[in-house]
């Protein structure tokens, strides 16, 4: 693999992990809001 391809793959993995962390935070906030609303 060329270095450029490796860098691109690393970048995509970083984006993916960032995205999953964000979605976990969002679902935690939603759960919190639901518990407050009840």
C-alpha atoms as a PDB file:
ATOM      1  CA  UNK A   1       0.000   0.000   0.000  1.00  0.00           C
ATOM      2  CA  UNK A   2       1.171   3.506  -0.729  1.00  0.00           C
ATOM      3  CA  UNK A   3       1.701   5.890   2.213  1.00  0.00           C
ATOM      4  CA  UNK A   4      -1.130   8.087   0.963  1.00  0.00           C
ATOM      5  CA  UNK A   5      -3.579   5.201   1.119  1.00  0.00           C
ATOM      6  CA  UNK A   6      -2.462   4.305   4.648  1.00  0.00           C
ATOM      7  CA  UNK A   7      -2.928   7.899   5.799  1.00  0.00           C
ATOM      8  CA  UNK A   8      -6.368   7.989   4.218  1.00  0.00           C
ATOM      9  CA  UNK A   9      -7.385   4.771   5.977  1.00  0.00           C
ATOM     10  CA  UNK A  10      -6.120   6.109   9.302  1.00  0.00           C
ATOM     11  CA  UNK A  11      -8.083   9.302   8.756  1.00  0.00           C
ATOM     12  CA  UNK A  12     -11.268   7.368   8.008  1.00  0.00           C
ATOM     13  CA  UNK A  13     -10.825   5.251  11.130  1.00  0.00           C
ATOM     14  CA  UNK A  14     -10.411   8.396  13.211  1.00  0.00           C
ATOM     15  CA  UNK A  15     -13.573   9.875  11.701  1.00  0.00           C
ATOM     16  CA  UNK A  16     -15.440   6.653  12.445  1.00  0.00           C
ATOM     17  CA  UNK A  17     -14.383   6.502  16.088  1.00  0.00           C
ATOM     18  CA  UNK A  18     -15.235  10.174  16.517  1.00  0.00           C
ATOM     19  CA  UNK A  19     -18.664   9.573  15.033  1.00  0.00           C
ATOM     20  CA  UNK A  20     -19.461   6.612  17.274  1.00  0.00           C
ATOM     21  CA  UNK A  21     -18.331   8.587  20.332  1.00  0.00           C
ATOM     22  CA  UNK A  22     -20.629  11.453  19.306  1.00  0.00           C
ATOM     23  CA  UNK A  23     -23.619   9.156  18.815  1.00  0.00           C
ATOM     24  CA  UNK A  24     -23.030   7.614  22.260  1.00  0.00           C
ATOM     25  CA  UNK A  25     -23.015  11.099  23.781  1.00  0.00           C
ATOM     26  CA  UNK A  26     -26.208  11.994  21.941  1.00  0.00           C
ATOM     27  CA  UNK A  27     -28.040   8.887  23.136  1.00  0.00           C
ATOM     28  CA  UNK A  28     -26.870   9.567  26.689  1.00  0.00           C
ATOM     29  CA  UNK A  29     -28.282  13.094  26.445  1.00  0.00           C
ATOM     30  CA  UNK A  30     -31.569  11.753  25.083  1.00  0.00           C
ATOM     31  CA  UNK A  31     -31.839   9.272  27.950  1.00  0.00           C
ATOM     32  CA  UNK A  32     -31.149  12.091  30.410  1.00  0.00           C
ATOM     33  CA  UNK A  33     -33.813  14.308  28.833  1.00  0.00           C
ATOM     34  CA  UNK A  34     -36.358  11.501  28.942  1.00  0.00           C
ATOM     35  CA  UNK A  35     -35.681  10.847  32.626  1.00  0.00           C
ATOM     36  CA  UNK A  36     -36.047  14.569  33.364  1.00  0.00           C
ATOM     37  CA  UNK A  37     -39.303  14.793  31.406  1.00  0.00           C
ATOM     38  CA  UNK A  38     -40.958  11.970  33.324  1.00  0.00           C
END
